[in-house]
Each structure stands twice: as C-alpha cells, then as structure tokens.
Protein backbone atom coordinates (compact mmCIF):
# COMPACT_ATOMS: atom_id res chain seq x y z
CA MET A 1 155.30 115.46 144.72
CA LEU A 2 157.25 114.60 141.62
CA ARG A 3 159.07 117.31 139.65
CA GLY A 4 157.00 120.16 141.09
CA ARG A 5 153.70 118.31 140.69
CA ASN A 6 151.25 117.25 143.37
CA VAL A 7 149.40 113.94 143.64
CA LEU A 8 146.91 114.99 140.92
CA GLY A 9 149.77 115.76 138.54
CA LEU A 10 149.19 119.53 138.56
CA THR A 11 151.98 122.07 138.72
CA GLU A 12 151.70 124.96 141.19
CA PHE A 13 150.90 127.27 138.27
CA GLN A 14 148.06 124.98 137.12
CA ARG A 15 146.67 124.90 140.67
CA ASP A 16 146.80 128.71 140.82
CA ILE A 17 144.94 128.95 137.50
CA ARG A 18 142.26 126.51 138.70
CA LYS A 19 141.85 128.52 141.92
CA PHE A 20 141.53 131.76 139.93
CA MET A 21 138.96 130.18 137.59
CA SER A 22 136.93 128.79 140.50
CA ASP A 23 137.05 132.19 142.21
CA THR A 24 135.59 133.78 139.08
CA SER A 25 132.66 131.35 139.03
CA ILE A 26 130.56 133.60 141.28
CA ALA A 27 126.95 133.73 140.09
CA SER A 28 126.40 137.26 138.76
CA PRO A 29 124.42 138.88 135.96
CA THR A 30 127.44 140.58 134.40
CA MET A 31 131.17 140.18 134.18
CA LEU A 32 131.48 143.74 135.52
CA LEU A 33 130.29 142.51 138.92
CA ARG A 34 132.95 139.79 138.89
CA ILE A 35 135.66 142.31 138.06
CA GLN A 36 134.44 144.61 140.84
CA SER A 37 134.71 141.69 143.30
CA HIS A 38 138.38 141.34 142.31
CA MET A 39 138.92 145.03 143.01
CA ARG A 40 137.41 144.62 146.49
CA GLY A 41 139.77 141.72 147.17
CA GLU A 42 136.96 139.16 147.41
CA THR A 43 138.43 136.90 144.73
CA SER A 44 141.88 136.20 143.35
CA VAL A 45 143.53 138.43 140.78
CA ALA A 46 144.77 136.98 137.51
CA PRO A 47 148.20 135.34 137.93
CA VAL A 48 149.70 137.53 135.17
CA ALA A 49 148.85 140.67 137.20
CA THR A 50 150.87 139.31 140.11
CA LEU A 51 153.73 138.21 137.86
CA ILE A 52 154.13 141.59 136.16
CA GLY A 53 152.97 143.73 139.08
CA PHE A 54 150.12 145.68 137.54
CA LYS A 55 146.86 146.59 139.27
CA LEU A 56 143.34 147.27 138.11
CA THR A 57 142.55 150.69 139.58
CA ALA A 58 139.24 151.57 137.90
CA ILE A 59 136.46 149.76 136.09
CA ALA A 60 133.22 150.98 134.52
CA PRO A 61 131.09 149.67 131.66
CA GLY A 62 133.35 149.67 128.62
CA GLU A 63 136.34 151.19 130.43
CA ALA A 64 139.22 149.92 132.57
CA THR A 65 142.36 151.46 134.04
CA ILE A 66 145.52 149.52 134.87
CA THR A 67 148.55 150.98 136.68
CA LEU A 68 152.12 149.73 136.85
CA THR A 69 155.16 151.14 138.59
CA THR A 70 158.06 150.02 136.46
CA GLY A 71 161.29 148.67 137.88
CA PRO A 72 164.51 146.98 136.80
CA GLN A 73 162.67 143.66 136.48
CA HIS A 74 160.75 145.16 133.53
CA ALA A 75 163.82 146.29 131.56
CA ASN A 76 165.03 145.06 128.20
CA PRO A 77 168.79 144.55 127.52
CA MET A 78 169.15 148.28 126.67
CA GLY A 79 167.79 149.26 130.09
CA THR A 80 164.46 150.69 128.95
CA LEU A 81 161.04 149.22 129.62
CA HIS A 82 160.48 146.07 127.57
CA GLY A 83 157.80 146.54 124.91
CA GLY A 84 156.12 143.33 125.98
CA ILE A 85 155.32 144.89 129.35
CA LEU A 86 153.56 147.77 127.58
CA CYS A 87 151.66 145.17 125.54
CA ASP A 88 150.66 143.32 128.71
CA ILE A 89 149.19 146.33 130.49
CA ALA A 90 147.45 147.60 127.34
CA ASP A 91 146.03 144.12 126.67
CA ALA A 92 144.80 143.86 130.26
CA ALA A 93 143.13 147.29 130.15
CA MET A 94 141.45 146.61 126.79
CA GLY A 95 140.43 143.07 127.79
CA LEU A 96 138.89 144.18 131.06
CA ALA A 97 137.08 147.06 129.33
CA TYR A 98 135.60 144.58 126.82
CA THR A 99 134.81 142.01 129.51
CA SER A 100 132.98 144.59 131.60
CA ASN A 101 130.20 144.68 128.97
CA LEU A 102 129.71 140.90 128.80
CA VAL A 103 126.87 139.06 130.48
CA GLU A 104 126.91 135.76 132.35
CA GLY A 105 127.77 132.89 129.99
CA GLU A 106 129.82 135.07 127.65
CA THR A 107 133.57 135.40 127.40
CA PHE A 108 135.89 136.62 124.67
CA THR A 109 139.15 136.13 122.87
CA THR A 110 141.49 138.64 121.28
CA LEU A 111 141.69 138.24 117.51
CA GLU A 112 144.33 140.90 116.89
CA MET A 113 146.33 143.48 118.83
CA LYS A 114 148.48 146.34 117.56
CA ILE A 115 150.61 148.72 119.58
CA ASN A 116 152.58 151.85 118.76
CA PHE A 117 155.53 152.58 121.06
CA LEU A 118 155.83 156.37 121.17
CA LYS A 119 158.66 157.06 123.60
CA PRO A 120 161.16 155.11 125.71
CA VAL A 121 160.50 154.56 129.40
CA TRP A 122 163.20 153.94 132.00
CA SER A 123 161.35 154.35 135.27
CA ALA A 124 157.75 155.53 135.59
CA THR A 125 154.33 154.92 136.98
CA LEU A 126 152.25 154.04 133.95
CA THR A 127 148.51 154.24 133.49
CA ALA A 128 146.83 152.18 130.77
CA GLU A 129 143.30 153.36 130.00
CA GLY A 130 141.33 150.83 127.98
CA LYS A 131 138.09 151.74 126.25
CA VAL A 132 135.58 149.91 124.07
CA LEU A 133 135.08 151.79 120.81
CA LYS A 134 132.55 149.34 119.29
CA GLN A 135 131.08 146.17 120.74
CA GLY A 136 128.82 144.31 118.34
CA ARG A 137 127.14 140.98 118.93
CA THR A 138 130.27 139.06 117.92
CA VAL A 139 133.17 141.42 117.12
CA GLY A 140 134.38 144.50 118.94
CA LEU A 141 137.14 147.11 118.81
CA THR A 142 139.02 148.49 121.81
CA GLU A 143 141.78 151.04 122.29
CA CYS A 144 144.26 151.90 125.01
CA ASN A 145 146.32 154.97 125.83
CA VAL A 146 149.35 154.25 128.01
CA LYS A 147 150.64 157.38 129.75
CA ASP A 148 153.39 158.14 132.24
CA GLU A 149 152.88 160.04 135.49
CA LYS A 150 153.33 163.35 133.64
CA GLY A 151 150.42 162.50 131.32
CA SER A 152 152.71 161.98 128.33
CA LEU A 153 151.52 159.34 125.86
CA VAL A 154 153.98 156.42 125.92
CA ALA A 155 152.08 153.92 123.77
CA TYR A 156 148.80 153.55 121.88
CA ALA A 157 147.17 150.17 121.26
CA THR A 158 144.10 148.75 119.55
CA SER A 159 142.56 145.32 119.77
CA THR A 160 139.90 143.37 117.90
CA CYS A 161 137.91 141.06 120.17
CA MET A 162 135.42 138.28 119.54
CA THR A 163 132.63 137.47 121.99
CA LEU A 164 132.19 133.75 122.68
CA ARG A 165 128.96 132.12 123.82
CA GLY A 166 127.65 128.63 124.45
CA GLU A 167 130.17 125.82 123.96
CA GLY A 168 132.75 128.32 122.67
CA ALA A 169 132.75 130.06 126.06
CA VAL A 170 133.03 126.92 128.20
CA GLY A 171 136.25 126.73 130.20
CA ARG A 172 137.58 130.14 129.11
C-alpha cells in the first residue's frame, strides 16, 4: 500500500463505495426492494449513514423515515446541531422516498434542495420524514419534516429531483 491505497490504487473509501454499489446490484423489479434489503441487513448501508450515524427506520412507496440521535460530534462552534446535519438527514429521507418509486434501470439526482431551520437543537433524537409530493416521468418534488422526540418541528425541507434512465443512469 502506498499513501492509504491498495495495489489497485483505490483508497479505503473508494473500496467501500465499490462494495456498496456492488451490494446494491441485486436484481429486483423496484428500488424499493433494494432499500428493504438494506433495512433487513442483507446489503451494506450507504457510507454517509455510517459516517453521520443516521438510520433508515421506515420505507414505503413514496415515503421514508430517517432517525438520528444527535451528539457532540454533530455540533457547530456554538454548540448547537450543525445545519448541515439537518440537511443530510432531510436529503436522505427525501432521496429514499423518491428512490422507492423508481424501477430497475432508473436512478435520480437532486436538482435543488431548500431547508428552513425552525429551532435550535442541542441534544435530541430526530426523525426526518420524507415524502414524494409529485413524481412525474422526469421531474419530481419531495418534502421533509424533521421533528424532535417531542414532535416539535425542527426543520422543513423541499427537494426537486430528476429521474435518470438509460446511459444517464449508468454508474449512479
């Protein structure tokens, strides 16, 4: 190994990504079935979920729920939860909700994301509930409510997604 790379020249992170992508190559009629296999522990979770510490706790067509118990590792310099962490869990919930409606050979990309931070968080168990509002042939709209364990709305996000097919979906 040279500078954290193996014989093929891949970093550990690149190897983890390749393993995750190969794990998600299970033949299935919908992406929902792939996501459900992750929930059952049959395939690897996305590396970002491990890095941040969030978990997919529910999935249904057009809906996904992510949970995160915040800790000091998620704090900004003022000691409250960093806004980027809220963006990450909202993005994951909305992305999984959108993905759950895709069929084999389709994937997507986020075109735009907006989030409103509604109250500070110091320590909480957060639930991000993503939902597809509109999913057309090419463009869709999702939303996410992020709430604390008391059910208080912490953040609200929306996302515009674009479905990719054919060559545009290869390798994504």
